[in-house]
Amino acid sequence: MTYTIGGQMNQLWREIEGKPFWRFQTDDKEIIKKLLKDDKFHLTTSGDISIFCCQFERPDIAKGVFKAITGVKPEIDKEGIYFTNQ
């Protein structure tokens, strides 16, 4: 399932339940630039879609960072994936 904001896709999900490891996936060039400048995010895959790994101890911190990066309050789906959809 793909979620978009302004034609761009942004997702954040926890790799393993209960662990602090998260992935941020986007195809938005402006967000990619932001993440490349932030030491908390490490690029793991690039191409049409870029995937960054990061660590957050709690989901509320991850959600707040996701909102700060995308500029939109994220929603959460039944699988626990944060996404933007406007």
PDB file of N, CA and C in Angstrom:
ATOM      1  N   MET A   1       0.852  -1.175   0.000  1.00  0.00           N
ATOM      2  CA  MET A   1       0.000   0.000   0.000  1.00  0.00           C
ATOM      3  C   MET A   1       0.898   1.238   0.000  1.00  0.00           C
ATOM      4  N   THR A   2       0.600   2.210  -0.833  1.00  0.00           N
ATOM      5  CA  THR A   2       1.401   3.432  -0.915  1.00  0.00           C
ATOM      6  C   THR A   2       0.561   4.623  -0.493  1.00  0.00           C
ATOM      7  N   TYR A   3       1.159   5.478   0.322  1.00  0.00           N
ATOM      8  CA  TYR A   3       0.510   6.693   0.792  1.00  0.00           C
ATOM      9  C   TYR A   3       1.304   7.869   0.263  1.00  0.00           C
ATOM     10  N   THR A   4       0.613   8.927  -0.126  1.00  0.00           N
ATOM     11  CA  THR A   4       1.297  10.054  -0.729  1.00  0.00           C
ATOM     12  C   THR A   4       0.919  11.369  -0.092  1.00  0.00           C
ATOM     13  N   ILE A   5       1.808  12.341  -0.227  1.00  0.00           N
ATOM     14  CA  ILE A   5       1.519  13.724   0.143  1.00  0.00           C
ATOM     15  C   ILE A   5       2.007  14.565  -1.015  1.00  0.00           C
ATOM     16  N   GLY A   6       1.116  15.275  -1.643  1.00  0.00           N
ATOM     17  CA  GLY A   6       1.491  16.100  -2.787  1.00  0.00           C
ATOM     18  C   GLY A   6       2.163  15.295  -3.878  1.00  0.00           C
ATOM     19  N   GLY A   7       1.718  14.057  -4.085  1.00  0.00           N
ATOM     20  CA  GLY A   7       2.323  13.215  -5.094  1.00  0.00           C
ATOM     21  C   GLY A   7       3.572  12.489  -4.610  1.00  0.00           C
ATOM     22  N   GLN A   8       3.974  12.717  -3.365  1.00  0.00           N
ATOM     23  CA  GLN A   8       5.157  12.083  -2.800  1.00  0.00           C
ATOM     24  C   GLN A   8       4.737  11.049  -1.755  1.00  0.00           C
ATOM     25  N   MET A   9       5.543   9.989  -1.608  1.00  0.00           N
ATOM     26  CA  MET A   9       5.255   8.929  -0.665  1.00  0.00           C
ATOM     27  C   MET A   9       6.207   9.037   0.524  1.00  0.00           C
ATOM     28  N   ASN A  10       5.666   8.948   1.742  1.00  0.00           N
ATOM     29  CA  ASN A  10       6.454   8.993   2.969  1.00  0.00           C
ATOM     30  C   ASN A  10       5.920   7.951   3.941  1.00  0.00           C
ATOM     31  N   GLN A  11       6.814   7.095   4.458  1.00  0.00           N
ATOM     32  CA  GLN A  11       6.411   6.099   5.439  1.00  0.00           C
ATOM     33  C   GLN A  11       7.508   5.956   6.489  1.00  0.00           C
ATOM     34  N   LEU A  12       7.103   5.616   7.703  1.00  0.00           N
ATOM     35  CA  LEU A  12       8.024   5.333   8.784  1.00  0.00           C
ATOM     36  C   LEU A  12       7.500   4.100   9.496  1.00  0.00           C
ATOM     37  N   TRP A  13       8.348   3.089   9.673  1.00  0.00           N
ATOM     38  CA  TRP A  13       7.902   1.896  10.359  1.00  0.00           C
ATOM     39  C   TRP A  13       9.010   1.322  11.234  1.00  0.00           C
ATOM     40  N   ARG A  14       8.589   0.598  12.267  1.00  0.00           N
ATOM     41  CA  ARG A  14       9.504  -0.061  13.191  1.00  0.00           C
ATOM     42  C   ARG A  14       9.882  -1.415  12.595  1.00  0.00           C
ATOM     43  N   GLU A  15      11.181  -1.704  12.563  1.00  0.00           N
ATOM     44  CA  GLU A  15      11.649  -2.967  11.987  1.00  0.00           C
ATOM     45  C   GLU A  15      11.182  -4.171  12.793  1.00  0.00           C
ATOM     46  N   ILE A  16      11.385  -4.115  14.112  1.00  0.00           N
ATOM     47  CA  ILE A  16      11.025  -5.216  14.992  1.00  0.00           C
ATOM     48  C   ILE A  16      10.297  -4.639  16.200  1.00  0.00           C
ATOM     49  N   GLU A  17       9.129  -5.174  16.491  1.00  0.00           N
ATOM     50  CA  GLU A  17       8.338  -4.686  17.623  1.00  0.00           C
ATOM     51  C   GLU A  17       9.164  -4.727  18.900  1.00  0.00           C
ATOM     52  N   GLY A  18       9.151  -3.621  19.639  1.00  0.00           N
ATOM     53  CA  GLY A  18       9.857  -3.545  20.899  1.00  0.00           C
ATOM     54  C   GLY A  18      11.316  -3.128  20.792  1.00  0.00           C
ATOM     55  N   LYS A  19      11.830  -2.990  19.587  1.00  0.00           N
ATOM     56  CA  LYS A  19      13.220  -2.572  19.370  1.00  0.00           C
ATOM     57  C   LYS A  19      13.228  -1.132  18.851  1.00  0.00           C
ATOM     58  N   PRO A  20      14.339  -0.390  19.053  1.00  0.00           N
ATOM     59  CA  PRO A  20      14.366   1.027  18.671  1.00  0.00           C
ATOM     60  C   PRO A  20      14.732   1.293  17.211  1.00  0.00           C
ATOM     61  N   PHE A  21      14.698   0.281  16.368  1.00  0.00           N
ATOM     62  CA  PHE A  21      15.142   0.437  14.982  1.00  0.00           C
ATOM     63  C   PHE A  21      13.968   0.727  14.052  1.00  0.00           C
ATOM     64  N   TRP A  22      14.093   1.822  13.318  1.00  0.00           N
ATOM     65  CA  TRP A  22      13.031   2.295  12.432  1.00  0.00           C
ATOM     66  C   TRP A  22      13.564   2.502  11.024  1.00  0.00           C
ATOM     67  N   ARG A  23      12.668   2.511  10.044  1.00  0.00           N
ATOM     68  CA  ARG A  23      12.987   2.823   8.647  1.00  0.00           C
ATOM     69  C   ARG A  23      12.096   3.961   8.176  1.00  0.00           C
ATOM     70  N   PHE A  24      12.686   4.906   7.462  1.00  0.00           N
ATOM     71  CA  PHE A  24      11.961   6.028   6.864  1.00  0.00           C
ATOM     72  C   PHE A  24      12.100   5.877   5.357  1.00  0.00           C
ATOM     73  N   GLN A  25      10.981   5.758   4.673  1.00  0.00           N
ATOM     74  CA  GLN A  25      10.970   5.547   3.227  1.00  0.00           C
ATOM     75  C   GLN A  25      10.294   6.728   2.549  1.00  0.00           C
ATOM     76  N   THR A  26      10.931   7.277   1.517  1.00  0.00           N
ATOM     77  CA  THR A  26      10.357   8.426   0.817  1.00  0.00           C
ATOM     78  C   THR A  26      10.860   8.499  -0.620  1.00  0.00           C
ATOM     79  N   ASP A  27      10.083   9.170  -1.446  1.00  0.00           N
ATOM     80  CA  ASP A  27      10.541   9.510  -2.793  1.00  0.00           C
ATOM     81  C   ASP A  27      10.532  11.031  -2.984  1.00  0.00           C
ATOM     82  N   ASP A  28      10.343  11.763  -1.883  1.00  0.00           N
ATOM     83  CA  ASP A  28      10.300  13.226  -1.903  1.00  0.00           C
ATOM     84  C   ASP A  28      11.730  13.774  -1.845  1.00  0.00           C
ATOM     85  N   LYS A  29      12.167  14.442  -2.892  1.00  0.00           N
ATOM     86  CA  LYS A  29      13.551  14.929  -3.003  1.00  0.00           C
ATOM     87  C   LYS A  29      13.918  15.911  -1.891  1.00  0.00           C
ATOM     88  N   GLU A  30      12.998  16.766  -1.473  1.00  0.00           N
ATOM     89  CA  GLU A  30      13.278  17.730  -0.404  1.00  0.00           C
ATOM     90  C   GLU A  30      13.483  17.017   0.936  1.00  0.00           C
ATOM     91  N   ILE A  31      12.672  16.015   1.196  1.00  0.00           N
ATOM     92  CA  ILE A  31      12.817  15.257   2.439  1.00  0.00           C
ATOM     93  C   ILE A  31      14.113  14.450   2.412  1.00  0.00           C
ATOM     94  N   ILE A  32      14.464  13.895   1.276  1.00  0.00           N
ATOM     95  CA  ILE A  32      15.728  13.166   1.146  1.00  0.00           C
ATOM     96  C   ILE A  32      16.898  14.081   1.491  1.00  0.00           C
ATOM     97  N   LYS A  33      16.869  15.319   1.008  1.00  0.00           N
ATOM     98  CA  LYS A  33      17.934  16.278   1.324  1.00  0.00           C
ATOM     99  C   LYS A  33      18.022  16.526   2.824  1.00  0.00           C
ATOM    100  N   LYS A  34      16.856  16.683   3.488  1.00  0.00           N
ATOM    101  CA  LYS A  34      16.825  16.902   4.940  1.00  0.00           C
ATOM    102  C   LYS A  34      17.451  15.717   5.675  1.00  0.00           C
ATOM    103  N   LEU A  35      17.063  14.523   5.283  1.00  0.00           N
ATOM    104  CA  LEU A  35      17.531  13.328   5.971  1.00  0.00           C
ATOM    105  C   LEU A  35      19.021  13.094   5.762  1.00  0.00           C
ATOM    106  N   LEU A  36      19.524  13.428   4.588  1.00  0.00           N
ATOM    107  CA  LEU A  36      20.961  13.276   4.321  1.00  0.00           C
ATOM    108  C   LEU A  36      21.807  14.197   5.189  1.00  0.00           C
ATOM    109  N   LYS A  37      21.245  15.330   5.602  1.00  0.00           N
ATOM    110  CA  LYS A  37      21.961  16.291   6.443  1.00  0.00           C
ATOM    111  C   LYS A  37      21.889  15.942   7.926  1.00  0.00           C
ATOM    112  N   ASP A  38      20.986  15.046   8.306  1.00  0.00           N
ATOM    113  CA  ASP A  38      20.759  14.706   9.715  1.00  0.00           C
ATOM    114  C   ASP A  38      21.540  13.446  10.082  1.00  0.00           C
ATOM    115  N   ASP A  39      22.409  13.564  11.079  1.00  0.00           N
ATOM    116  CA  ASP A  39      23.244  12.435  11.502  1.00  0.00           C
ATOM    117  C   ASP A  39      22.460  11.263  12.072  1.00  0.00           C
ATOM    118  N   LYS A  40      21.206  11.481  12.462  1.00  0.00           N
ATOM    119  CA  LYS A  40      20.394  10.398  13.022  1.00  0.00           C
ATOM    120  C   LYS A  40      19.903   9.426  11.947  1.00  0.00           C
ATOM    121  N   PHE A  41      19.939   9.851  10.691  1.00  0.00           N
ATOM    122  CA  PHE A  41      19.426   9.027   9.601  1.00  0.00           C
ATOM    123  C   PHE A  41      20.571   8.549   8.719  1.00  0.00           C
ATOM    124  N   HIS A  42      20.541   7.263   8.385  1.00  0.00           N
ATOM    125  CA  HIS A  42      21.585   6.670   7.549  1.00  0.00           C
ATOM    126  C   HIS A  42      20.941   6.048   6.317  1.00  0.00           C
ATOM    127  N   LEU A  43      21.374   6.494   5.152  1.00  0.00           N
ATOM    128  CA  LEU A  43      20.820   6.008   3.890  1.00  0.00           C
ATOM    129  C   LEU A  43      21.195   4.549   3.688  1.00  0.00           C
ATOM    130  N   THR A  44      20.196   3.698   3.463  1.00  0.00           N
ATOM    131  CA  THR A  44      20.455   2.282   3.219  1.00  0.00           C
ATOM    132  C   THR A  44      20.160   1.888   1.780  1.00  0.00           C
ATOM    133  N   THR A  45      19.191   2.545   1.155  1.00  0.00           N
ATOM    134  CA  THR A  45      18.792   2.239  -0.217  1.00  0.00           C
ATOM    135  C   THR A  45      18.414   3.528  -0.924  1.00  0.00           C
ATOM    136  N   SER A  46      18.894   3.695  -2.145  1.00  0.00           N
ATOM    137  CA  SER A  46      18.480   4.874  -2.917  1.00  0.00           C
ATOM    138  C   SER A  46      18.133   4.463  -4.333  1.00  0.00           C
ATOM    139  N   GLY A  47      17.364   5.290  -4.969  1.00  0.00           N
ATOM    140  CA  GLY A  47      16.860   5.048  -6.313  1.00  0.00           C
ATOM    141  C   GLY A  47      15.588   5.860  -6.456  1.00  0.00           C
ATOM    142  N   ASP A  48      14.558   5.261  -7.040  1.00  0.00           N
ATOM    143  CA  ASP A  48      13.267   5.951  -7.118  1.00  0.00           C
ATOM    144  C   ASP A  48      12.725   6.218  -5.717  1.00  0.00           C
ATOM    145  N   ILE A  49      13.010   5.287  -4.802  1.00  0.00           N
ATOM    146  CA  ILE A  49      12.610   5.424  -3.402  1.00  0.00           C
ATOM    147  C   ILE A  49      13.871   5.301  -2.555  1.00  0.00           C
ATOM    148  N   SER A  50      14.020   6.197  -1.577  1.00  0.00           N
ATOM    149  CA  SER A  50      15.153   6.127  -0.665  1.00  0.00           C
ATOM    150  C   SER A  50      14.669   5.632   0.692  1.00  0.00           C
ATOM    151  N   ILE A  51      15.482   4.771   1.308  1.00  0.00           N
ATOM    152  CA  ILE A  51      15.157   4.236   2.624  1.00  0.00           C
ATOM    153  C   ILE A  51      16.310   4.561   3.561  1.00  0.00           C
ATOM    154  N   PHE A  52      15.951   5.139   4.703  1.00  0.00           N
ATOM    155  CA  PHE A  52      16.918   5.517   5.725  1.00  0.00           C
ATOM    156  C   PHE A  52      16.647   4.701   6.978  1.00  0.00           C
ATOM    157  N   CYS A  53      17.694   4.302   7.684  1.00  0.00           N
ATOM    158  CA  CYS A  53      17.504   3.675   8.988  1.00  0.00           C
ATOM    159  C   CYS A  53      17.765   4.721  10.065  1.00  0.00           C
ATOM    160  N   CYS A  54      17.098   4.557  11.195  1.00  0.00           N
ATOM    161  CA  CYS A  54      17.231   5.486  12.310  1.00  0.00           C
ATOM    162  C   CYS A  54      16.826   4.764  13.589  1.00  0.00           C
ATOM    163  N   GLN A  55      17.097   5.394  14.733  1.00  0.00           N
ATOM    164  CA  GLN A  55      16.733   4.795  16.015  1.00  0.00           C
ATOM    165  C   GLN A  55      15.947   5.785  16.862  1.00  0.00           C
ATOM    166  N   PHE A  56      14.837   5.308  17.395  1.00  0.00           N
ATOM    167  CA  PHE A  56      14.017   6.066  18.334  1.00  0.00           C
ATOM    168  C   PHE A  56      13.581   5.092  19.411  1.00  0.00           C
ATOM    169  N   GLU A  57      13.710   5.490  20.662  1.00  0.00           N
ATOM    170  CA  GLU A  57      13.363   4.610  21.774  1.00  0.00           C
ATOM    171  C   GLU A  57      11.859   4.375  21.903  1.00  0.00           C
ATOM    172  N   ARG A  58      11.070   5.397  21.542  1.00  0.00           N
ATOM    173  CA  ARG A  58       9.627   5.280  21.721  1.00  0.00           C
ATOM    174  C   ARG A  58       8.891   5.706  20.442  1.00  0.00           C
ATOM    175  N   PRO A  59       7.726   5.102  20.196  1.00  0.00           N
ATOM    176  CA  PRO A  59       6.941   5.469  19.022  1.00  0.00           C
ATOM    177  C   PRO A  59       6.523   6.940  18.997  1.00  0.00           C
ATOM    178  N   ASP A  60       6.258   7.549  20.164  1.00  0.00           N
ATOM    179  CA  ASP A  60       5.840   8.948  20.174  1.00  0.00           C
ATOM    180  C   ASP A  60       6.980   9.859  19.702  1.00  0.00           C
ATOM    181  N   ILE A  61       8.220   9.494  19.991  1.00  0.00           N
ATOM    182  CA  ILE A  61       9.362  10.271  19.496  1.00  0.00           C
ATOM    183  C   ILE A  61       9.458  10.119  17.981  1.00  0.00           C
ATOM    184  N   ALA A  62       9.327   8.895  17.493  1.00  0.00           N
ATOM    185  CA  ALA A  62       9.378   8.639  16.045  1.00  0.00           C
ATOM    186  C   ALA A  62       8.288   9.434  15.329  1.00  0.00           C
ATOM    187  N   LYS A  63       7.089   9.429  15.891  1.00  0.00           N
ATOM    188  CA  LYS A  63       5.960  10.151  15.295  1.00  0.00           C
ATOM    189  C   LYS A  63       6.237  11.653  15.252  1.00  0.00           C
ATOM    190  N   GLY A  64       6.803  12.203  16.329  1.00  0.00           N
ATOM    191  CA  GLY A  64       7.124  13.630  16.370  1.00  0.00           C
ATOM    192  C   GLY A  64       8.183  14.021  15.357  1.00  0.00           C
ATOM    193  N   VAL A  65       9.209  13.195  15.217  1.00  0.00           N
ATOM    194  CA  VAL A  65      10.262  13.464  14.229  1.00  0.00           C
ATOM    195  C   VAL A  65       9.687  13.367  12.818  1.00  0.00           C
ATOM    196  N   PHE A  66       8.857  12.365  12.590  1.00  0.00           N
ATOM    197  CA  PHE A  66       8.222  12.195  11.278  1.00  0.00           C
ATOM    198  C   PHE A  66       7.411  13.435  10.919  1.00  0.00           C
ATOM    199  N   LYS A  67       6.657  13.957  11.895  1.00  0.00           N
ATOM    200  CA  LYS A  67       5.858  15.170  11.656  1.00  0.00           C
ATOM    201  C   LYS A  67       6.765  16.361  11.367  1.00  0.00           C
ATOM    202  N   ALA A  68       7.858  16.491  12.124  1.00  0.00           N
ATOM    203  CA  ALA A  68       8.780  17.610  11.902  1.00  0.00           C
ATOM    204  C   ALA A  68       9.411  17.561  10.514  1.00  0.00           C
ATOM    205  N   ILE A  69       9.713  16.377  10.044  1.00  0.00           N
ATOM    206  CA  ILE A  69      10.362  16.231   8.735  1.00  0.00           C
ATOM    207  C   ILE A  69       9.390  16.464   7.595  1.00  0.00           C
ATOM    208  N   THR A  70       8.197  15.899   7.702  1.00  0.00           N
ATOM    209  CA  THR A  70       7.237  15.996   6.596  1.00  0.00           C
ATOM    210  C   THR A  70       6.381  17.257   6.664  1.00  0.00           C
ATOM    211  N   GLY A  71       6.241  17.834   7.861  1.00  0.00           N
ATOM    212  CA  GLY A  71       5.397  19.009   8.024  1.00  0.00           C
ATOM    213  C   GLY A  71       3.922  18.686   8.116  1.00  0.00           C
ATOM    214  N   VAL A  72       3.591  17.410   8.260  1.00  0.00           N
ATOM    215  CA  VAL A  72       2.194  16.971   8.307  1.00  0.00           C
ATOM    216  C   VAL A  72       2.034  15.984   9.457  1.00  0.00           C
ATOM    217  N   LYS A  73       0.917  16.088  10.187  1.00  0.00           N
ATOM    218  CA  LYS A  73       0.648  15.127  11.247  1.00  0.00           C
ATOM    219  C   LYS A  73       0.447  13.749  10.618  1.00  0.00           C
ATOM    220  N   PRO A  74       1.238  12.766  11.033  1.00  0.00           N
ATOM    221  CA  PRO A  74       1.115  11.447  10.414  1.00  0.00           C
ATOM    222  C   PRO A  74      -0.092  10.675  10.911  1.00  0.00           C
ATOM    223  N   GLU A  75      -0.525   9.768  10.085  1.00  0.00           N
ATOM    224  CA  GLU A  75      -1.561   8.809  10.440  1.00  0.00           C
ATOM    225  C   GLU A  75      -0.857   7.479  10.670  1.00  0.00           C
ATOM    226  N   ILE A  76      -1.552   6.514  11.250  1.00  0.00           N
ATOM    227  CA  ILE A  76      -0.970   5.189  11.460  1.00  0.00           C
ATOM    228  C   ILE A  76      -1.949   4.144  10.940  1.00  0.00           C
ATOM    229  N   ASP A  77      -1.418   3.154  10.206  1.00  0.00           N
ATOM    230  CA  ASP A  77      -2.312   2.125   9.672  1.00  0.00           C
ATOM    231  C   ASP A  77      -2.363   0.924  10.615  1.00  0.00           C
ATOM    232  N   LYS A  78      -3.144  -0.070  10.255  1.00  0.00           N
ATOM    233  CA  LYS A  78      -3.350  -1.223  11.133  1.00  0.00           C
ATOM    234  C   LYS A  78      -2.085  -2.044  11.340  1.00  0.00           C
ATOM    235  N   GLU A  79      -1.084  -1.875  10.479  1.00  0.00           N
ATOM    236  CA  GLU A  79       0.176  -2.600  10.622  1.00  0.00           C
ATOM    237  C   GLU A  79       1.218  -1.799  11.396  1.00  0.00           C
ATOM    238  N   GLY A  80       0.843  -0.598  11.875  1.00  0.00           N
ATOM    239  CA  GLY A  80       1.753   0.212  12.662  1.00  0.00           C
ATOM    240  C   GLY A  80       2.694   1.072  11.849  1.00  0.00           C
ATOM    241  N   ILE A  81       2.353   1.316  10.581  1.00  0.00           N
ATOM    242  CA  ILE A  81       3.184   2.147   9.716  1.00  0.00           C
ATOM    243  C   ILE A  81       2.661   3.574   9.750  1.00  0.00           C
ATOM    244  N   TYR A  82       3.536   4.519  10.097  1.00  0.00           N
ATOM    245  CA  TYR A  82       3.182   5.933  10.036  1.00  0.00           C
ATOM    246  C   TYR A  82       3.279   6.396   8.600  1.00  0.00           C
ATOM    247  N   PHE A  83       2.345   7.224   8.176  1.00  0.00           N
ATOM    248  CA  PHE A  83       2.352   7.700   6.806  1.00  0.00           C
ATOM    249  C   PHE A  83       1.693   9.053   6.720  1.00  0.00           C
ATOM    250  N   THR A  84       1.971   9.750   5.632  1.00  0.00           N
ATOM    251  CA  THR A  84       1.297  11.001   5.334  1.00  0.00           C
ATOM    252  C   THR A  84       0.356  10.739   4.185  1.00  0.00           C
ATOM    253  N   ASN A  85      -0.811  11.329   4.247  1.00  0.00           N
ATOM    254  CA  ASN A  85      -1.817  11.097   3.215  1.00  0.00           C
ATOM    255  C   ASN A  85      -2.667  12.342   3.059  1.00  0.00           C
ATOM    256  N   GLN A  86      -2.269  13.212   2.110  1.00  0.00           N
ATOM    257  CA  GLN A  86      -3.050  14.423   1.843  1.00  0.00           C
ATOM    258  C   GLN A  86      -3.154  14.651   0.376  1.00  0.00           C
TER     259      GLN A  86
END
